[in-house]
Amino acid sequence: MDKPYDSLDHHFNLPHIRSVGTERPMQWLRMGWDDMRENLGASLSYGVILAAIGYAILSYAADKPYLFMAAISGFMLIGPLAAAGLYEISRRHEKGERVSFMGSLRGLARNADSLAFFGAFLAIALVGWERISAIMFALFYRGEIGNVTNFVSGILGSGENLYFLAAYVIVGAVLAIVVFALSAISIPLLMDRDTDGVTAAMTSLRAVQTNFDTMMLWAVMIVLLVGIGFASMMVGMVILLPLVGHATWHAYRDLVR
């Protein structure tokens, strides 16, 4: 069902937003799977490259627990931009076209300025979260940090760090929700239409507001899928990242008329 313009939408000339049910995220995943299967080489190329980058970052941060945790959550913050090429594959597949990995990269030039603007916003969010993470470690964490294994043991085995855990989860969740609301469908919109980053962010925010339950379910599903990828030492990311990327394109097409 289309949501009509309200005064804010009309003033900023935002696209119409559809209201969709909570069953739609599973459909987005099914359509994303079809896109990946039909463009397997190009899609898995993104999966391999992004998984390798993620593994390198996590390996570097393995003995720096605050940086390790920030890297995992930060990976999700910049995910929408990292998947831009996957949106181009789905966009072209929707038109009945096949596209190579290099062909999908060329699609990024179509609205490069707006994509760069939005990428800068995500980069600032990532750097800000890294700094906030370091500050919370300094203020709330008690005990030796050591490596990641010792850090996890200290969190789970000591009641002294419950305040740290609560503060970290709450602050991280608030930041994640804000960034998700502004970026859930922004990059696909910028890939599809000649619009600016602010309009894309406001459209994404309106889509999340209009379909709050559905989009929160979608956010949880993304976190779970990415979590499985991390738990598999990034091996699962080779498939799961392209799957989520293609599905996000279909979320955009479903939500924006």
Protein backbone atom coordinates (compact mmCIF):
# COMPACT_ATOMS: atom_id res chain seq x y z
CA MET A 1 0.00 0.00 0.00
CA ASP A 2 1.40 3.41 -0.96
CA LYS A 3 1.74 6.01 1.73
CA PRO A 4 0.56 9.43 0.46
CA TYR A 5 2.69 12.50 0.86
CA ASP A 6 2.42 14.42 4.08
CA SER A 7 3.49 18.07 4.27
CA LEU A 8 7.12 17.16 4.97
CA ASP A 9 7.27 14.76 2.02
CA HIS A 10 5.71 17.37 -0.27
CA HIS A 11 8.04 20.13 0.89
CA PHE A 12 11.17 18.07 0.23
CA ASN A 13 9.72 16.29 -2.83
CA LEU A 14 10.42 12.85 -1.35
CA PRO A 15 9.32 9.68 -3.17
CA HIS A 16 6.16 7.88 -2.11
CA ILE A 17 6.72 5.20 0.53
CA ARG A 18 4.83 1.92 0.56
CA SER A 19 3.66 0.24 3.74
CA VAL A 20 4.63 -3.45 3.68
CA GLY A 21 4.05 -6.39 6.00
CA THR A 22 6.50 -8.16 8.28
CA GLU A 23 6.57 -11.16 5.94
CA ARG A 24 8.40 -9.14 3.28
CA PRO A 25 12.00 -9.51 4.61
CA MET A 26 11.91 -13.24 3.89
CA GLN A 27 10.72 -12.45 0.38
CA TRP A 28 13.57 -9.97 -0.04
CA LEU A 29 16.00 -12.72 0.90
CA ARG A 30 14.43 -15.13 -1.57
CA MET A 31 14.67 -12.58 -4.37
CA GLY A 32 18.22 -11.73 -3.32
CA TRP A 33 19.12 -15.41 -3.51
CA ASP A 34 17.73 -15.55 -7.06
CA ASP A 35 19.82 -12.52 -8.06
CA MET A 36 22.95 -14.06 -6.59
CA ARG A 37 22.33 -17.42 -8.25
CA GLU A 38 21.80 -15.80 -11.66
CA ASN A 39 24.92 -13.62 -11.30
CA LEU A 40 27.03 -16.01 -9.27
CA GLY A 41 30.50 -15.01 -10.42
CA ALA A 42 30.06 -11.27 -9.96
CA SER A 43 28.19 -11.66 -6.67
CA LEU A 44 30.70 -14.06 -5.10
CA SER A 45 33.54 -11.78 -6.21
CA TYR A 46 32.16 -9.15 -3.86
CA GLY A 47 31.72 -11.76 -1.15
CA VAL A 48 35.33 -12.94 -1.42
CA ILE A 49 36.80 -9.42 -1.53
CA LEU A 50 34.74 -8.07 1.38
CA ALA A 51 35.28 -11.21 3.47
CA ALA A 52 39.04 -10.98 2.89
CA ILE A 53 39.07 -7.31 3.92
CA GLY A 54 37.00 -8.12 7.00
CA TYR A 55 39.30 -10.98 7.96
CA ALA A 56 42.38 -8.76 7.60
CA ILE A 57 40.82 -6.08 9.81
CA LEU A 58 39.77 -8.55 12.49
CA SER A 59 43.20 -10.23 12.44
CA TYR A 60 44.87 -6.86 12.98
CA ALA A 61 42.50 -6.06 15.87
CA ALA A 62 42.69 -9.51 17.52
CA ASP A 63 44.94 -8.25 20.35
CA LYS A 64 43.09 -4.93 20.66
CA PRO A 65 39.65 -5.82 22.13
CA TYR A 66 38.14 -2.33 21.94
CA LEU A 67 39.20 -2.07 18.30
CA PHE A 68 38.01 -5.63 17.61
CA MET A 69 34.52 -4.86 18.90
CA ALA A 70 34.40 -1.54 17.07
CA ALA A 71 35.49 -3.29 13.85
CA ILE A 72 32.67 -5.83 14.03
CA SER A 73 29.97 -3.23 14.60
CA GLY A 74 31.66 -0.79 12.21
CA PHE A 75 31.58 -3.43 9.48
CA MET A 76 27.79 -3.22 9.64
CA LEU A 77 27.83 0.59 9.59
CA ILE A 78 29.69 0.78 6.28
CA GLY A 79 28.01 -2.32 4.82
CA PRO A 80 25.44 -0.35 2.77
CA LEU A 81 28.21 1.41 0.85
CA ALA A 82 30.38 -1.70 0.49
CA ALA A 83 27.42 -3.46 -1.16
CA ALA A 84 26.82 -0.73 -3.76
CA GLY A 85 28.09 -2.90 -6.62
CA LEU A 86 25.67 -5.64 -5.61
CA TYR A 87 22.77 -3.21 -5.93
CA GLU A 88 23.93 -2.45 -9.46
CA ILE A 89 23.91 -6.17 -10.27
CA SER A 90 20.35 -6.49 -9.00
CA ARG A 91 19.29 -3.32 -10.81
CA ARG A 92 20.61 -4.66 -14.10
CA HIS A 93 19.24 -8.15 -13.43
CA GLU A 94 15.79 -6.61 -12.91
CA LYS A 95 16.04 -5.28 -16.47
CA GLY A 96 16.97 -8.71 -17.81
CA GLU A 97 20.64 -7.82 -18.22
CA ARG A 98 23.67 -9.77 -17.06
CA VAL A 99 26.56 -7.81 -15.64
CA SER A 100 30.14 -8.71 -14.82
CA PHE A 101 32.00 -7.70 -11.67
CA MET A 102 33.78 -4.89 -13.55
CA GLY A 103 30.52 -3.82 -15.16
CA SER A 104 28.91 -3.46 -11.74
CA LEU A 105 31.78 -1.23 -10.60
CA ARG A 106 31.22 1.06 -13.57
CA GLY A 107 27.68 1.58 -12.33
CA LEU A 108 29.07 3.44 -9.30
CA ALA A 109 30.03 6.36 -11.54
CA ARG A 110 26.40 7.13 -12.38
CA ASN A 111 25.79 9.20 -9.23
CA ALA A 112 29.34 9.36 -7.92
CA ASP A 113 29.13 12.71 -6.11
CA SER A 114 26.10 11.73 -4.02
CA LEU A 115 27.58 8.30 -3.30
CA ALA A 116 30.81 9.95 -2.15
CA PHE A 117 28.86 12.32 0.09
CA PHE A 118 26.98 9.46 1.70
CA GLY A 119 30.16 7.42 1.99
CA ALA A 120 31.73 10.31 3.90
CA PHE A 121 28.78 10.30 6.30
CA LEU A 122 29.21 6.56 6.95
CA ALA A 123 32.97 6.99 7.38
CA ILE A 124 32.39 9.73 9.97
CA ALA A 125 29.93 7.46 11.80
CA LEU A 126 32.52 4.67 11.79
CA VAL A 127 35.32 6.89 13.13
CA GLY A 128 32.98 8.36 15.72
CA TRP A 129 31.96 4.91 16.92
CA GLU A 130 35.61 3.84 17.18
CA ARG A 131 36.34 6.86 19.39
CA ILE A 132 33.23 6.31 21.51
CA SER A 133 34.19 2.66 21.91
CA ALA A 134 37.67 3.63 23.15
CA ILE A 135 36.21 6.17 25.60
CA MET A 136 33.76 3.63 27.05
CA PHE A 137 36.60 1.14 27.56
CA ALA A 138 38.57 3.80 29.42
CA LEU A 139 35.62 4.86 31.59
CA PHE A 140 33.86 1.60 32.42
CA TYR A 141 36.04 -1.46 31.81
CA ARG A 142 37.80 -2.88 34.86
CA GLY A 143 40.64 -5.38 34.67
CA GLU A 144 43.28 -6.40 32.19
CA ILE A 145 42.22 -6.15 28.58
CA GLY A 146 44.87 -8.42 27.05
CA ASN A 147 43.64 -10.19 23.94
CA VAL A 148 40.09 -10.83 22.78
CA THR A 149 39.83 -14.19 24.55
CA ASN A 150 40.87 -12.70 27.91
CA PHE A 151 38.54 -9.78 27.34
CA VAL A 152 35.52 -12.05 26.72
CA SER A 153 36.40 -14.07 29.82
CA GLY A 154 36.61 -10.87 31.83
CA ILE A 155 33.20 -9.74 30.62
CA LEU A 156 31.44 -13.06 31.23
CA GLY A 157 33.25 -14.07 34.40
CA SER A 158 33.25 -10.85 36.35
CA GLY A 159 30.36 -8.82 37.63
CA GLU A 160 32.60 -5.75 37.72
CA ASN A 161 32.07 -5.10 34.02
CA LEU A 162 28.28 -5.24 33.87
CA TYR A 163 28.10 -1.43 33.67
CA PHE A 164 30.55 -1.47 30.81
CA LEU A 165 28.58 -4.14 28.95
CA ALA A 166 25.28 -2.32 29.47
CA ALA A 167 26.71 1.05 28.37
CA TYR A 168 28.41 -0.46 25.33
CA VAL A 169 25.29 -2.28 24.16
CA ILE A 170 22.96 0.69 24.72
CA VAL A 171 25.19 3.29 23.05
CA GLY A 172 26.05 0.93 20.19
CA ALA A 173 22.40 0.05 19.63
CA VAL A 174 21.32 3.71 19.54
CA LEU A 175 24.02 4.59 17.02
CA ALA A 176 23.24 1.51 14.92
CA ILE A 177 19.51 2.32 14.80
CA VAL A 178 20.17 5.92 13.76
CA VAL A 179 22.62 4.93 11.02
CA PHE A 180 20.37 2.10 9.85
CA ALA A 181 17.35 4.40 9.63
CA LEU A 182 19.31 6.89 7.49
CA SER A 183 21.02 4.31 5.28
CA ALA A 184 18.69 1.29 5.03
CA ILE A 185 17.73 2.07 1.43
CA SER A 186 19.77 5.21 0.72
CA ILE A 187 22.54 3.69 -1.41
CA PRO A 188 20.15 1.67 -3.63
CA LEU A 189 18.13 4.87 -4.13
CA LEU A 190 21.26 6.78 -5.13
CA MET A 191 22.20 3.95 -7.51
CA ASP A 192 18.76 4.02 -9.11
CA ARG A 193 17.87 7.71 -9.29
CA ASP A 194 19.56 11.02 -9.88
CA THR A 195 19.08 12.39 -6.40
CA ASP A 196 21.23 13.75 -3.57
CA GLY A 197 22.44 12.15 -0.36
CA VAL A 198 20.23 14.21 1.95
CA THR A 199 17.07 13.31 0.02
CA ALA A 200 18.13 9.64 0.02
CA ALA A 201 18.71 9.69 3.79
CA MET A 202 15.35 11.37 4.46
CA THR A 203 13.60 8.86 2.19
CA SER A 204 15.24 6.00 4.07
CA LEU A 205 14.21 7.53 7.39
CA ARG A 206 10.60 7.85 6.18
CA ALA A 207 10.62 4.25 4.95
CA VAL A 208 11.80 3.00 8.35
CA GLN A 209 9.30 5.21 10.17
CA THR A 210 6.40 4.01 8.01
CA ASN A 211 7.40 0.34 8.27
CA PHE A 212 9.02 0.35 11.70
CA ASP A 213 8.19 -3.24 12.71
CA THR A 214 9.18 -4.65 9.33
CA MET A 215 12.42 -2.69 9.16
CA MET A 216 13.43 -3.56 12.72
CA LEU A 217 12.86 -7.21 11.85
CA TRP A 218 14.97 -6.72 8.74
CA ALA A 219 17.72 -5.09 10.81
CA VAL A 220 17.73 -8.03 13.25
CA MET A 221 17.91 -10.49 10.34
CA ILE A 222 20.90 -8.60 8.90
CA VAL A 223 22.68 -8.65 12.27
CA LEU A 224 22.06 -12.39 12.63
CA LEU A 225 23.29 -13.18 9.12
CA VAL A 226 26.39 -11.03 9.50
CA GLY A 227 26.95 -12.55 12.95
CA ILE A 228 26.95 -16.01 11.40
CA GLY A 229 29.52 -14.75 8.93
CA PHE A 230 31.79 -13.52 11.73
CA ALA A 231 31.29 -16.74 13.70
CA SER A 232 32.50 -18.72 10.67
CA MET A 233 35.73 -16.66 10.58
CA MET A 234 34.41 -14.75 7.57
CA VAL A 235 34.00 -17.87 5.41
CA GLY A 236 30.22 -17.60 5.52
CA MET A 237 30.47 -13.94 4.53
CA VAL A 238 31.39 -15.01 0.99
CA ILE A 239 27.74 -16.01 0.50
CA LEU A 240 25.92 -14.03 3.18
CA LEU A 241 27.18 -10.57 2.21
CA PRO A 242 26.06 -10.84 -1.43
CA LEU A 243 22.76 -12.32 -0.24
CA VAL A 244 22.07 -9.38 2.09
CA GLY A 245 23.23 -6.89 -0.54
CA HIS A 246 20.91 -8.21 -3.24
CA ALA A 247 18.05 -8.49 -0.75
CA THR A 248 18.55 -4.84 0.25
CA TRP A 249 17.96 -3.81 -3.35
CA HIS A 250 14.62 -5.60 -3.28
CA ALA A 251 13.78 -3.96 0.05
CA TYR A 252 14.33 -0.58 -1.62
CA ARG A 253 12.19 -1.53 -4.64
CA ASP A 254 9.45 -2.78 -2.33
CA LEU A 255 9.43 0.28 -0.09
CA VAL A 256 9.86 3.13 -2.59
CA ARG A 257 7.40 3.54 -5.41
